[in-house]
Amino acid sequence: MNIFVRLVFAISLGFICYVPSVYSQSSFMLVKKNGHYYTDATINDNAIIPIFVETGFHGMVVSVEWYNRILATLPLKEIKLQKEEHLHTDRTTRRIVKLFKGKVPVGDLMYEGRIFVVDTNEDYVTIPVNLLKSEADSTVCLIRFDFKKNVLDYVRKEEASLGKMHQYTLVENDPMPIFEATIELSDALGHQFTKFGKFNFDLGNGSSVFFFRRTMLPALKENNFKIQTSRDKSGDIIGQGIFAGYCKIGNKSKTGFSIGITNKIEDTDELGCVGPSFFQNGTVILDPNNKLIYYK
């Protein structure tokens, strides 16, 4: 009988110790699928919610079903839509059913911004993790992506080893982390050029680098880069790109890979997106307060 009591006590203690790790979360294990990252966390005290981890989005995105299940009880302010609107990305177009703004608890952190309720059957919630903050501890001010360990965590400055890391200047973090850097580019035939500009650090980008057509295509043509084109059965262009023999952005370089060129994003002066695979097994740390991105 005493053995049974001790066993029950041990199981109960283990459960009690486990609960805070779920409900006090500022570190997230990342799972990589098809070039994208996913995790799970409590959202508004609802555990465990699957999350599509993003930095290249204008807000939190949920389906109508997810909104009703986990967000409907929150005091969000609705933004009235004057007409039918859609949320566009380079991959999808979804009808916006409702639009809100406000705060949403995510694990031990808080998201504040716009919440798009869209017509979709996606079984996850999309969250721009660069907009998560600790309201309980203002010293937790760095957002660290460890792509070797596949961990995203929110840490104090003294917990991060910043001394040997390179830096980008972060010119914007809300709604997306935009940094400035010089890109050096060459192809296998010896064509090359250098250009300074803005890039979007896009965690949801499955490619290492992606160029925006309006800002980059003229420079590529002017420097005689060979533009590869793919077409559908009707002969319409559905994709363009180049093969980069060498690409260096800031102090980070990569060789021998393809770079796509999209025409889906036109209203920007950014040169393109930089995805996590550009940093391979490295670390990227966002420091919004000091307008820096550390990387190695």
C-alpha atoms as a PDB file:
ATOM      1  CA  MET A   1       0.000   0.000   0.000  1.00  0.00           C
ATOM      2  CA  ASN A   2       2.827   2.391   0.869  1.00  0.00           C
ATOM      3  CA  ILE A   3       4.448   1.612  -2.478  1.00  0.00           C
ATOM      4  CA  PHE A   4       1.185   2.451  -4.261  1.00  0.00           C
ATOM      5  CA  VAL A   5       0.847   5.764  -2.374  1.00  0.00           C
ATOM      6  CA  ARG A   6       4.436   6.722  -3.199  1.00  0.00           C
ATOM      7  CA  LEU A   7       3.845   5.855  -6.865  1.00  0.00           C
ATOM      8  CA  VAL A   8       0.713   7.995  -7.052  1.00  0.00           C
ATOM      9  CA  PHE A   9       2.546  10.858  -5.337  1.00  0.00           C
ATOM     10  CA  ALA A  10       5.453  10.618  -7.787  1.00  0.00           C
ATOM     11  CA  ILE A  11       3.124  10.647 -10.780  1.00  0.00           C
ATOM     12  CA  SER A  12       1.199  13.611  -9.348  1.00  0.00           C
ATOM     13  CA  LEU A  13       4.403  15.516  -8.673  1.00  0.00           C
ATOM     14  CA  GLY A  14       5.613  14.869 -12.204  1.00  0.00           C
ATOM     15  CA  PHE A  15       2.354  16.223 -13.598  1.00  0.00           C
ATOM     16  CA  ILE A  16       2.530  19.319 -11.419  1.00  0.00           C
ATOM     17  CA  CYS A  17       6.112  19.952 -12.539  1.00  0.00           C
ATOM     18  CA  TYR A  18       5.125  19.476 -16.177  1.00  0.00           C
ATOM     19  CA  VAL A  19       2.260  21.961 -16.279  1.00  0.00           C
ATOM     20  CA  PRO A  20       4.343  25.150 -15.781  1.00  0.00           C
ATOM     21  CA  SER A  21       6.601  24.172 -18.714  1.00  0.00           C
ATOM     22  CA  VAL A  22       3.510  24.289 -20.926  1.00  0.00           C
ATOM     23  CA  TYR A  23       1.950  27.429 -19.499  1.00  0.00           C
ATOM     24  CA  SER A  24       5.170  29.430 -18.950  1.00  0.00           C
ATOM     25  CA  GLN A  25       6.749  29.253 -22.354  1.00  0.00           C
ATOM     26  CA  SER A  26       9.363  31.589 -23.801  1.00  0.00           C
ATOM     27  CA  SER A  27      11.388  28.880 -25.564  1.00  0.00           C
ATOM     28  CA  PHE A  28       9.966  26.935 -28.481  1.00  0.00           C
ATOM     29  CA  MET A  29      11.201  23.813 -30.232  1.00  0.00           C
ATOM     30  CA  LEU A  30      10.978  24.227 -33.991  1.00  0.00           C
ATOM     31  CA  VAL A  31      10.024  21.484 -36.413  1.00  0.00           C
ATOM     32  CA  LYS A  32      11.083  21.979 -40.033  1.00  0.00           C
ATOM     33  CA  LYS A  33       8.717  20.791 -42.773  1.00  0.00           C
ATOM     34  CA  ASN A  34       9.179  21.581 -46.474  1.00  0.00           C
ATOM     35  CA  GLY A  35      11.485  24.487 -45.691  1.00  0.00           C
ATOM     36  CA  HIS A  36       9.098  26.059 -43.149  1.00  0.00           C
ATOM     37  CA  TYR A  37       9.117  26.049 -39.353  1.00  0.00           C
ATOM     38  CA  TYR A  38       6.338  24.979 -36.998  1.00  0.00           C
ATOM     39  CA  THR A  39       5.970  24.798 -33.229  1.00  0.00           C
ATOM     40  CA  ASP A  40       3.219  24.600 -30.645  1.00  0.00           C
ATOM     41  CA  ALA A  41       2.284  26.725 -27.657  1.00  0.00           C
ATOM     42  CA  THR A  42      -0.570  27.810 -25.460  1.00  0.00           C
ATOM     43  CA  ILE A  43      -2.638  30.615 -26.969  1.00  0.00           C
ATOM     44  CA  ASN A  44      -5.006  32.434 -24.618  1.00  0.00           C
ATOM     45  CA  ASP A  45      -4.597  29.532 -22.135  1.00  0.00           C
ATOM     46  CA  ASN A  46      -5.567  26.969 -24.778  1.00  0.00           C
ATOM     47  CA  ALA A  47      -2.959  24.202 -25.017  1.00  0.00           C
ATOM     48  CA  ILE A  48      -1.452  22.918 -27.252  1.00  0.00           C
ATOM     49  CA  ILE A  49      -1.981  24.953 -30.453  1.00  0.00           C
ATOM     50  CA  PRO A  50       0.003  24.202 -33.646  1.00  0.00           C
ATOM     51  CA  ILE A  51       1.751  27.337 -34.937  1.00  0.00           C
ATOM     52  CA  PHE A  52       3.235  28.242 -38.303  1.00  0.00           C
ATOM     53  CA  VAL A  53       6.260  30.339 -37.303  1.00  0.00           C
ATOM     54  CA  GLU A  54       6.567  33.506 -39.383  1.00  0.00           C
ATOM     55  CA  THR A  55       8.408  36.824 -39.554  1.00  0.00           C
ATOM     56  CA  GLY A  56       7.251  37.888 -43.016  1.00  0.00           C
ATOM     57  CA  PHE A  57       3.566  38.457 -42.238  1.00  0.00           C
ATOM     58  CA  HIS A  58       1.562  41.602 -41.487  1.00  0.00           C
ATOM     59  CA  GLY A  59      -0.240  40.009 -38.557  1.00  0.00           C
ATOM     60  CA  MET A  60      -1.560  36.913 -36.841  1.00  0.00           C
ATOM     61  CA  VAL A  61      -3.650  34.717 -39.159  1.00  0.00           C
ATOM     62  CA  VAL A  62      -6.330  32.264 -37.997  1.00  0.00           C
ATOM     63  CA  SER A  63      -9.179  30.373 -39.585  1.00  0.00           C
ATOM     64  CA  VAL A  64     -12.766  31.045 -38.506  1.00  0.00           C
ATOM     65  CA  GLU A  65     -12.711  27.768 -36.575  1.00  0.00           C
ATOM     66  CA  TRP A  66      -9.506  28.656 -34.710  1.00  0.00           C
ATOM     67  CA  TYR A  67     -10.847  32.131 -33.912  1.00  0.00           C
ATOM     68  CA  ASN A  68     -14.013  30.695 -32.381  1.00  0.00           C
ATOM     69  CA  ARG A  69     -12.057  28.096 -30.390  1.00  0.00           C
ATOM     70  CA  ILE A  70      -9.232  30.181 -28.921  1.00  0.00           C
ATOM     71  CA  LEU A  71      -9.699  33.930 -29.508  1.00  0.00           C
ATOM     72  CA  ALA A  72     -13.416  34.747 -29.316  1.00  0.00           C
ATOM     73  CA  THR A  73     -13.242  35.415 -25.547  1.00  0.00           C
ATOM     74  CA  LEU A  74     -10.543  38.103 -25.878  1.00  0.00           C
ATOM     75  CA  PRO A  75     -11.446  41.841 -25.863  1.00  0.00           C
ATOM     76  CA  LEU A  76     -10.191  42.440 -29.405  1.00  0.00           C
ATOM     77  CA  LYS A  77     -11.179  45.560 -31.307  1.00  0.00           C
ATOM     78  CA  GLU A  78     -12.792  44.781 -34.651  1.00  0.00           C
ATOM     79  CA  ILE A  79     -11.741  46.791 -37.700  1.00  0.00           C
ATOM     80  CA  LYS A  80     -14.718  47.034 -40.030  1.00  0.00           C
ATOM     81  CA  LEU A  81     -14.053  46.000 -43.622  1.00  0.00           C
ATOM     82  CA  GLN A  82     -15.565  48.381 -46.170  1.00  0.00           C
ATOM     83  CA  LYS A  83     -15.482  45.810 -48.962  1.00  0.00           C
ATOM     84  CA  GLU A  84     -14.408  42.242 -49.585  1.00  0.00           C
ATOM     85  CA  GLU A  85     -10.678  42.052 -48.977  1.00  0.00           C
ATOM     86  CA  HIS A  86      -8.104  39.315 -49.394  1.00  0.00           C
ATOM     87  CA  LEU A  87      -4.840  38.488 -47.682  1.00  0.00           C
ATOM     88  CA  HIS A  88      -2.189  37.925 -50.332  1.00  0.00           C
ATOM     89  CA  THR A  89       1.148  36.168 -50.014  1.00  0.00           C
ATOM     90  CA  ASP A  90       3.495  34.828 -52.683  1.00  0.00           C
ATOM     91  CA  ARG A  91       1.852  31.416 -52.137  1.00  0.00           C
ATOM     92  CA  THR A  92      -1.817  31.957 -51.300  1.00  0.00           C
ATOM     93  CA  THR A  93      -4.778  34.322 -51.487  1.00  0.00           C
ATOM     94  CA  ARG A  94      -7.388  34.061 -48.736  1.00  0.00           C
ATOM     95  CA  ARG A  95     -10.571  36.037 -48.140  1.00  0.00           C
ATOM     96  CA  ILE A  96     -10.545  38.093 -44.943  1.00  0.00           C
ATOM     97  CA  VAL A  97     -13.697  37.261 -42.966  1.00  0.00           C
ATOM     98  CA  LYS A  98     -12.940  39.584 -40.024  1.00  0.00           C
ATOM     99  CA  LEU A  99     -10.088  41.835 -38.985  1.00  0.00           C
ATOM    100  CA  PHE A 100      -9.180  42.677 -35.382  1.00  0.00           C
ATOM    101  CA  LYS A 101      -6.396  44.358 -33.470  1.00  0.00           C
ATOM    102  CA  GLY A 102      -5.357  43.763 -29.899  1.00  0.00           C
ATOM    103  CA  LYS A 103      -3.351  41.529 -27.588  1.00  0.00           C
ATOM    104  CA  VAL A 104      -3.155  37.723 -27.640  1.00  0.00           C
ATOM    105  CA  PRO A 105      -1.253  35.728 -24.968  1.00  0.00           C
ATOM    106  CA  VAL A 106       1.128  33.193 -26.540  1.00  0.00           C
ATOM    107  CA  GLY A 107       2.864  31.000 -24.007  1.00  0.00           C
ATOM    108  CA  ASP A 108       4.701  33.281 -21.586  1.00  0.00           C
ATOM    109  CA  LEU A 109       4.678  36.129 -24.120  1.00  0.00           C
ATOM    110  CA  MET A 110       2.247  38.583 -25.647  1.00  0.00           C
ATOM    111  CA  TYR A 111       1.415  39.259 -29.288  1.00  0.00           C
ATOM    112  CA  GLU A 112       0.077  42.731 -30.061  1.00  0.00           C
ATOM    113  CA  GLY A 113      -1.083  43.706 -33.531  1.00  0.00           C
ATOM    114  CA  ARG A 114      -3.587  42.783 -36.196  1.00  0.00           C
ATOM    115  CA  ILE A 115      -5.438  39.481 -36.255  1.00  0.00           C
ATOM    116  CA  PHE A 116      -6.728  38.300 -39.631  1.00  0.00           C
ATOM    117  CA  VAL A 117      -9.589  35.811 -39.539  1.00  0.00           C
ATOM    118  CA  VAL A 118      -9.543  34.233 -42.986  1.00  0.00           C
ATOM    119  CA  ASP A 119     -11.488  31.720 -45.017  1.00  0.00           C
ATOM    120  CA  THR A 120      -9.162  28.712 -44.827  1.00  0.00           C
ATOM    121  CA  ASN A 121      -9.041  25.152 -43.547  1.00  0.00           C
ATOM    122  CA  GLU A 122      -5.449  25.416 -42.291  1.00  0.00           C
ATOM    123  CA  ASP A 123      -4.946  23.343 -39.150  1.00  0.00           C
ATOM    124  CA  TYR A 124      -2.487  25.815 -37.612  1.00  0.00           C
ATOM    125  CA  VAL A 125      -2.284  29.443 -36.491  1.00  0.00           C
ATOM    126  CA  THR A 126       0.204  31.778 -38.187  1.00  0.00           C
ATOM    127  CA  ILE A 127       2.090  34.072 -35.801  1.00  0.00           C
ATOM    128  CA  PRO A 128       4.775  36.675 -36.662  1.00  0.00           C
ATOM    129  CA  VAL A 129       7.116  35.742 -33.820  1.00  0.00           C
ATOM    130  CA  ASN A 130       9.148  38.930 -34.188  1.00  0.00           C
ATOM    131  CA  LEU A 131       6.185  40.736 -32.611  1.00  0.00           C
ATOM    132  CA  LEU A 132       6.044  38.572 -29.474  1.00  0.00           C
ATOM    133  CA  LYS A 133       7.240  40.313 -26.300  1.00  0.00           C
ATOM    134  CA  SER A 134       7.562  39.616 -22.597  1.00  0.00           C
ATOM    135  CA  GLU A 135       5.334  41.998 -20.673  1.00  0.00           C
ATOM    136  CA  ALA A 136       6.442  40.511 -17.345  1.00  0.00           C
ATOM    137  CA  ASP A 137      10.186  41.156 -17.857  1.00  0.00           C
ATOM    138  CA  SER A 138      11.399  44.007 -20.086  1.00  0.00           C
ATOM    139  CA  THR A 139      14.976  42.675 -19.955  1.00  0.00           C
ATOM    140  CA  VAL A 140      13.867  39.720 -22.105  1.00  0.00           C
ATOM    141  CA  CYS A 141      14.448  41.732 -25.263  1.00  0.00           C
ATOM    142  CA  LEU A 142      16.303  39.471 -27.725  1.00  0.00           C
ATOM    143  CA  ILE A 143      14.684  37.001 -30.128  1.00  0.00           C
ATOM    144  CA  ARG A 144      17.095  34.161 -30.851  1.00  0.00           C
ATOM    145  CA  PHE A 145      16.789  31.642 -33.689  1.00  0.00           C
ATOM    146  CA  ASP A 146      19.183  28.719 -33.298  1.00  0.00           C
ATOM    147  CA  PHE A 147      18.915  26.856 -36.595  1.00  0.00           C
ATOM    148  CA  LYS A 148      21.352  24.138 -35.499  1.00  0.00           C
ATOM    149  CA  LYS A 149      19.294  23.140 -32.460  1.00  0.00           C
ATOM    150  CA  ASN A 150      15.987  24.225 -34.043  1.00  0.00           C
ATOM    151  CA  VAL A 151      15.082  26.405 -31.074  1.00  0.00           C
ATOM    152  CA  LEU A 152      13.406  29.810 -30.912  1.00  0.00           C
ATOM    153  CA  ASP A 153      13.752  31.574 -27.578  1.00  0.00           C
ATOM    154  CA  TYR A 154      13.352  34.995 -26.010  1.00  0.00           C
ATOM    155  CA  VAL A 155      16.319  35.884 -23.827  1.00  0.00           C
ATOM    156  CA  ARG A 156      18.111  38.609 -21.906  1.00  0.00           C
ATOM    157  CA  LYS A 157      21.192  40.212 -23.403  1.00  0.00           C
ATOM    158  CA  GLU A 158      23.526  38.551 -20.892  1.00  0.00           C
ATOM    159  CA  GLU A 159      22.197  35.141 -21.974  1.00  0.00           C
ATOM    160  CA  ALA A 160      23.316  35.649 -25.596  1.00  0.00           C
ATOM    161  CA  SER A 161      26.925  35.446 -26.807  1.00  0.00           C
ATOM    162  CA  LEU A 162      26.971  38.482 -29.092  1.00  0.00           C
ATOM    163  CA  GLY A 163      30.688  39.289 -29.092  1.00  0.00           C
ATOM    164  CA  LYS A 164      31.727  37.248 -32.135  1.00  0.00           C
ATOM    165  CA  MET A 165      28.583  37.768 -34.188  1.00  0.00           C
ATOM    166  CA  HIS A 166      28.191  39.956 -37.283  1.00  0.00           C
ATOM    167  CA  GLN A 167      25.500  42.620 -37.497  1.00  0.00           C
ATOM    168  CA  TYR A 168      22.888  43.909 -39.897  1.00  0.00           C
ATOM    169  CA  THR A 169      21.163  47.234 -39.311  1.00  0.00           C
ATOM    170  CA  LEU A 170      17.504  46.597 -38.519  1.00  0.00           C
ATOM    171  CA  VAL A 171      15.552  49.452 -40.092  1.00  0.00           C
ATOM    172  CA  GLU A 172      12.110  48.084 -39.222  1.00  0.00           C
ATOM    173  CA  ASN A 173      10.649  45.286 -37.097  1.00  0.00           C
ATOM    174  CA  ASP A 174       6.907  45.959 -37.129  1.00  0.00           C
ATOM    175  CA  PRO A 175       5.278  44.309 -38.923  1.00  0.00           C
ATOM    176  CA  MET A 176       8.326  42.617 -40.491  1.00  0.00           C
ATOM    177  CA  PRO A 177      12.070  42.598 -39.704  1.00  0.00           C
ATOM    178  CA  ILE A 178      13.694  44.599 -42.523  1.00  0.00           C
ATOM    179  CA  PHE A 179      17.482  45.030 -42.560  1.00  0.00           C
ATOM    180  CA  GLU A 180      19.983  46.848 -44.764  1.00  0.00           C
ATOM    181  CA  ALA A 181      23.039  45.206 -46.286  1.00  0.00           C
ATOM    182  CA  THR A 182      25.225  45.039 -49.377  1.00  0.00           C
ATOM    183  CA  ILE A 183      24.722  42.046 -51.650  1.00  0.00           C
ATOM    184  CA  GLU A 184      27.556  40.718 -53.815  1.00  0.00           C
ATOM    185  CA  LEU A 185      26.322  38.401 -56.530  1.00  0.00           C
ATOM    186  CA  SER A 186      27.942  36.419 -59.336  1.00  0.00           C
ATOM    187  CA  ASP A 187      26.927  33.569 -61.617  1.00  0.00           C
ATOM    188  CA  ALA A 188      28.853  30.639 -63.084  1.00  0.00           C
ATOM    189  CA  LEU A 189      29.715  32.654 -66.219  1.00  0.00           C
ATOM    190  CA  GLY A 190      31.531  35.445 -64.379  1.00  0.00           C
ATOM    191  CA  HIS A 191      28.776  38.057 -64.421  1.00  0.00           C
ATOM    192  CA  GLN A 192      28.658  39.980 -61.169  1.00  0.00           C
ATOM    193  CA  PHE A 193      27.388  43.070 -59.440  1.00  0.00           C
ATOM    194  CA  THR A 194      27.119  44.710 -56.025  1.00  0.00           C
ATOM    195  CA  LYS A 195      24.055  46.481 -54.665  1.00  0.00           C
ATOM    196  CA  PHE A 196      23.073  48.013 -51.328  1.00  0.00           C
ATOM    197  CA  GLY A 197      19.481  47.763 -50.190  1.00  0.00           C
ATOM    198  CA  LYS A 198      16.838  46.403 -47.860  1.00  0.00           C
ATOM    199  CA  PHE A 199      15.999  42.754 -47.243  1.00  0.00           C
ATOM    200  CA  ASN A 200      13.195  41.036 -45.386  1.00  0.00           C
ATOM    201  CA  PHE A 201      14.320  38.379 -42.899  1.00  0.00           C
ATOM    202  CA  ASP A 202      11.502  35.968 -43.689  1.00  0.00           C
ATOM    203  CA  LEU A 203      11.360  32.882 -41.497  1.00  0.00           C
ATOM    204  CA  GLY A 204       8.527  31.492 -43.618  1.00  0.00           C
ATOM    205  CA  ASN A 205      10.609  31.652 -46.793  1.00  0.00           C
ATOM    206  CA  GLY A 206      11.596  28.125 -47.797  1.00  0.00           C
ATOM    207  CA  SER A 207      14.340  29.492 -50.088  1.00  0.00           C
ATOM    208  CA  SER A 208      17.722  30.859 -49.024  1.00  0.00           C
ATOM    209  CA  VAL A 209      17.171  34.080 -50.966  1.00  0.00           C
ATOM    210  CA  PHE A 210      14.261  35.346 -53.031  1.00  0.00           C
ATOM    211  CA  PHE A 211      14.379  38.489 -55.186  1.00  0.00           C
ATOM    212  CA  PHE A 212      11.575  40.958 -55.919  1.00  0.00           C
ATOM    213  CA  ARG A 213      11.200  41.465 -59.634  1.00  0.00           C
ATOM    214  CA  ARG A 214      10.659  45.240 -59.692  1.00  0.00           C
ATOM    215  CA  THR A 215      13.765  46.058 -57.680  1.00  0.00           C
ATOM    216  CA  MET A 216      16.187  43.349 -58.849  1.00  0.00           C
ATOM    217  CA  LEU A 217      15.335  42.221 -62.379  1.00  0.00           C
ATOM    218  CA  PRO A 218      16.632  45.421 -64.105  1.00  0.00           C
ATOM    219  CA  ALA A 219      20.010  45.119 -62.347  1.00  0.00           C
ATOM    220  CA  LEU A 220      20.293  41.421 -63.221  1.00  0.00           C
ATOM    221  CA  LYS A 221      19.562  42.100 -66.893  1.00  0.00           C
ATOM    222  CA  GLU A 222      21.909  45.082 -66.991  1.00  0.00           C
ATOM    223  CA  ASN A 223      24.743  42.867 -65.724  1.00  0.00           C
ATOM    224  CA  ASN A 224      23.918  40.072 -68.197  1.00  0.00           C
ATOM    225  CA  PHE A 225      22.734  37.457 -65.721  1.00  0.00           C
ATOM    226  CA  LYS A 226      20.901  34.625 -67.449  1.00  0.00           C
ATOM    227  CA  ILE A 227      17.259  34.714 -66.390  1.00  0.00           C
ATOM    228  CA  GLN A 228      15.717  31.235 -66.302  1.00  0.00           C
ATOM    229  CA  THR A 229      11.988  31.222 -67.085  1.00  0.00           C
ATOM    230  CA  SER A 230       9.349  28.570 -66.489  1.00  0.00           C
ATOM    231  CA  ARG A 231       5.959  28.679 -68.213  1.00  0.00           C
ATOM    232  CA  ASP A 232       2.627  26.916 -67.872  1.00  0.00           C
ATOM    233  CA  LYS A 233       0.828  25.040 -70.658  1.00  0.00           C
ATOM    234  CA  SER A 234      -0.636  28.329 -71.933  1.00  0.00           C
ATOM    235  CA  GLY A 235       2.811  29.839 -72.322  1.00  0.00           C
ATOM    236  CA  ASP A 236       2.370  32.269 -69.433  1.00  0.00           C
ATOM    237  CA  ILE A 237       5.389  32.903 -67.224  1.00  0.00           C
ATOM    238  CA  ILE A 238       4.873  31.288 -63.815  1.00  0.00           C
ATOM    239  CA  GLY A 239       8.384  31.665 -62.462  1.00  0.00           C
ATOM    240  CA  GLN A 240      11.774  33.250 -63.044  1.00  0.00           C
ATOM    241  CA  GLY A 241      15.142  32.873 -61.399  1.00  0.00           C
ATOM    242  CA  ILE A 242      18.912  32.749 -61.673  1.00  0.00           C
ATOM    243  CA  PHE A 243      21.650  30.379 -60.599  1.00  0.00           C
ATOM    244  CA  ALA A 244      23.988  32.108 -58.129  1.00  0.00           C
ATOM    245  CA  GLY A 245      27.531  30.843 -58.187  1.00  0.00           C
ATOM    246  CA  TYR A 246      28.242  33.151 -55.253  1.00  0.00           C
ATOM    247  CA  CYS A 247      26.005  35.285 -53.085  1.00  0.00           C
ATOM    248  CA  LYS A 248      27.166  37.358 -50.123  1.00  0.00           C
ATOM    249  CA  ILE A 249      24.848  39.497 -47.990  1.00  0.00           C
ATOM    250  CA  GLY A 250      26.741  41.440 -45.369  1.00  0.00           C
ATOM    251  CA  ASN A 251      29.366  39.016 -44.047  1.00  0.00           C
ATOM    252  CA  LYS A 252      27.380  35.863 -44.783  1.00  0.00           C
ATOM    253  CA  SER A 253      27.903  34.021 -48.085  1.00  0.00           C
ATOM    254  CA  LYS A 254      26.600  30.952 -49.883  1.00  0.00           C
ATOM    255  CA  THR A 255      27.603  29.293 -53.150  1.00  0.00           C
ATOM    256  CA  GLY A 256      25.905  27.309 -55.876  1.00  0.00           C
ATOM    257  CA  PHE A 257      22.159  27.720 -55.398  1.00  0.00           C
ATOM    258  CA  SER A 258      19.100  28.986 -57.265  1.00  0.00           C
ATOM    259  CA  ILE A 259      17.408  32.305 -56.470  1.00  0.00           C
ATOM    260  CA  GLY A 260      13.810  32.803 -57.478  1.00  0.00           C
ATOM    261  CA  ILE A 261      12.353  36.082 -58.695  1.00  0.00           C
ATOM    262  CA  THR A 262       8.764  36.868 -57.755  1.00  0.00           C
ATOM    263  CA  ASN A 263       6.382  39.412 -59.271  1.00  0.00           C
ATOM    264  CA  LYS A 264       3.795  38.909 -56.506  1.00  0.00           C
ATOM    265  CA  ILE A 265       5.263  41.709 -54.360  1.00  0.00           C
ATOM    266  CA  GLU A 266       5.498  44.997 -56.250  1.00  0.00           C
ATOM    267  CA  ASP A 267       4.762  47.800 -53.764  1.00  0.00           C
ATOM    268  CA  THR A 268       8.124  47.750 -51.969  1.00  0.00           C
ATOM    269  CA  ASP A 269      11.640  49.119 -52.315  1.00  0.00           C
ATOM    270  CA  GLU A 270      13.128  45.974 -50.745  1.00  0.00           C
ATOM    271  CA  LEU A 271      15.450  43.852 -52.872  1.00  0.00           C
ATOM    272  CA  GLY A 272      14.091  40.547 -51.601  1.00  0.00           C
ATOM    273  CA  CYS A 273      13.728  38.045 -48.776  1.00  0.00           C
ATOM    274  CA  VAL A 274      16.413  36.152 -46.906  1.00  0.00           C
ATOM    275  CA  GLY A 275      15.278  32.841 -45.447  1.00  0.00           C
ATOM    276  CA  PRO A 276      16.699  30.780 -42.581  1.00  0.00           C
ATOM    277  CA  SER A 277      18.444  28.312 -44.897  1.00  0.00           C
ATOM    278  CA  PHE A 278      20.808  31.121 -45.970  1.00  0.00           C
ATOM    279  CA  PHE A 279      22.261  30.929 -42.449  1.00  0.00           C
ATOM    280  CA  GLN A 280      22.426  27.105 -42.627  1.00  0.00           C
ATOM    281  CA  ASN A 281      23.135  25.829 -39.088  1.00  0.00           C
ATOM    282  CA  GLY A 282      23.861  29.283 -37.721  1.00  0.00           C
ATOM    283  CA  THR A 283      22.169  31.639 -35.273  1.00  0.00           C
ATOM    284  CA  VAL A 284      20.185  34.817 -35.915  1.00  0.00           C
ATOM    285  CA  ILE A 285      19.247  37.179 -33.071  1.00  0.00           C
ATOM    286  CA  LEU A 286      16.822  40.082 -33.442  1.00  0.00           C
ATOM    287  CA  ASP A 287      17.476  43.071 -31.186  1.00  0.00           C
ATOM    288  CA  PRO A 288      14.595  45.469 -31.967  1.00  0.00           C
ATOM    289  CA  ASN A 289      15.458  47.888 -29.122  1.00  0.00           C
ATOM    290  CA  ASN A 290      18.924  48.596 -30.573  1.00  0.00           C
ATOM    291  CA  LYS A 291      17.832  48.154 -34.215  1.00  0.00           C
ATOM    292  CA  LEU A 292      20.239  45.291 -34.920  1.00  0.00           C
ATOM    293  CA  ILE A 293      20.219  41.751 -36.247  1.00  0.00           C
ATOM    294  CA  TYR A 294      23.104  39.602 -35.021  1.00  0.00           C
ATOM    295  CA  TYR A 295      24.090  36.571 -37.096  1.00  0.00           C
ATOM    296  CA  LYS A 296      26.787  33.946 -37.511  1.00  0.00           C
END
